[in-house]
Amino acid sequence: MMAGATVTVDEVRKGQRATGPATVLAIGTATPANCVYQADYPDYYFRITKSDHLTDLKEKFKRMC
């Protein structure tokens, strides 16, 4: 332990804070281009992935959702 190196709580907090302006980069949209209800999602997912022929897997996926 270092003797004589006394640090106050204010000094510790000051060291943890940023001193300049903060910059936030956000790219995206607030509203999605499409909206799919949870009950319809398995049908939607299997349709867009062209996996409609996997009926047993689709039924299992419906139970999971």
Protein backbone atom coordinates (compact mmCIF):
# COMPACT_ATOMS: atom_id res chain seq x y z
CA MET A 1 0.00 0.00 0.00
CA MET A 2 1.30 3.45 -0.87
CA ALA A 3 1.68 5.78 2.03
CA GLY A 4 1.09 9.46 1.42
CA ALA A 5 -0.82 8.98 -1.86
CA THR A 6 -4.19 10.16 -0.64
CA VAL A 7 -6.88 10.42 -3.27
CA THR A 8 -10.23 11.97 -2.57
CA VAL A 9 -13.52 10.61 -3.86
CA ASP A 10 -13.95 13.74 -6.00
CA GLU A 11 -10.61 13.12 -7.71
CA VAL A 12 -11.55 9.53 -8.49
CA ARG A 13 -14.92 10.58 -9.92
CA LYS A 14 -13.31 13.35 -11.96
CA GLY A 15 -10.90 10.81 -13.45
CA GLN A 16 -13.79 8.55 -14.46
CA ARG A 17 -15.70 11.28 -16.32
CA ALA A 18 -15.20 12.42 -19.87
CA THR A 19 -14.05 15.99 -20.24
CA GLY A 20 -15.09 16.71 -23.83
CA PRO A 21 -18.35 16.51 -25.72
CA ALA A 22 -19.82 13.07 -26.27
CA THR A 23 -20.57 11.84 -29.75
CA VAL A 24 -23.18 9.23 -30.54
CA LEU A 25 -23.42 7.65 -33.97
CA ALA A 26 -26.73 5.97 -34.65
CA ILE A 27 -27.76 4.65 -38.02
CA GLY A 28 -31.15 3.06 -38.47
CA THR A 29 -34.83 3.67 -38.70
CA ALA A 30 -37.33 4.19 -35.94
CA THR A 31 -40.00 2.14 -37.67
CA PRO A 32 -39.32 -1.16 -39.39
CA ALA A 33 -40.09 -1.58 -43.07
CA ASN A 34 -42.29 -4.56 -42.27
CA CYS A 35 -44.08 -5.79 -39.19
CA VAL A 36 -44.88 -9.45 -38.55
CA TYR A 37 -47.07 -10.64 -35.71
CA GLN A 38 -45.55 -13.31 -33.52
CA ALA A 39 -48.28 -15.83 -34.39
CA ASP A 40 -47.57 -15.32 -38.11
CA TYR A 41 -43.79 -15.31 -37.81
CA PRO A 42 -43.14 -19.03 -38.48
CA ASP A 43 -45.15 -18.87 -41.72
CA TYR A 44 -43.36 -15.65 -42.70
CA TYR A 45 -39.90 -17.03 -41.88
CA PHE A 46 -40.36 -20.29 -43.75
CA ARG A 47 -41.81 -18.43 -46.75
CA ILE A 48 -38.93 -15.94 -47.09
CA THR A 49 -36.31 -18.67 -46.64
CA LYS A 50 -38.07 -20.89 -49.20
CA SER A 51 -38.36 -23.68 -46.62
CA ASP A 52 -42.11 -24.32 -46.79
CA HIS A 53 -41.43 -27.96 -47.67
CA LEU A 54 -40.02 -28.58 -44.15
CA THR A 55 -43.44 -28.97 -42.52
CA ASP A 56 -42.25 -30.97 -39.49
CA LEU A 57 -39.62 -28.36 -38.68
CA LYS A 58 -42.16 -25.59 -39.24
CA GLU A 59 -44.55 -27.13 -36.69
CA LYS A 60 -41.73 -27.42 -34.14
CA PHE A 61 -40.81 -23.79 -34.79
CA LYS A 62 -44.44 -22.76 -34.21
CA ARG A 63 -44.41 -24.48 -30.81
CA MET A 64 -41.20 -22.66 -29.86
CA CYS A 65 -42.61 -19.25 -30.79
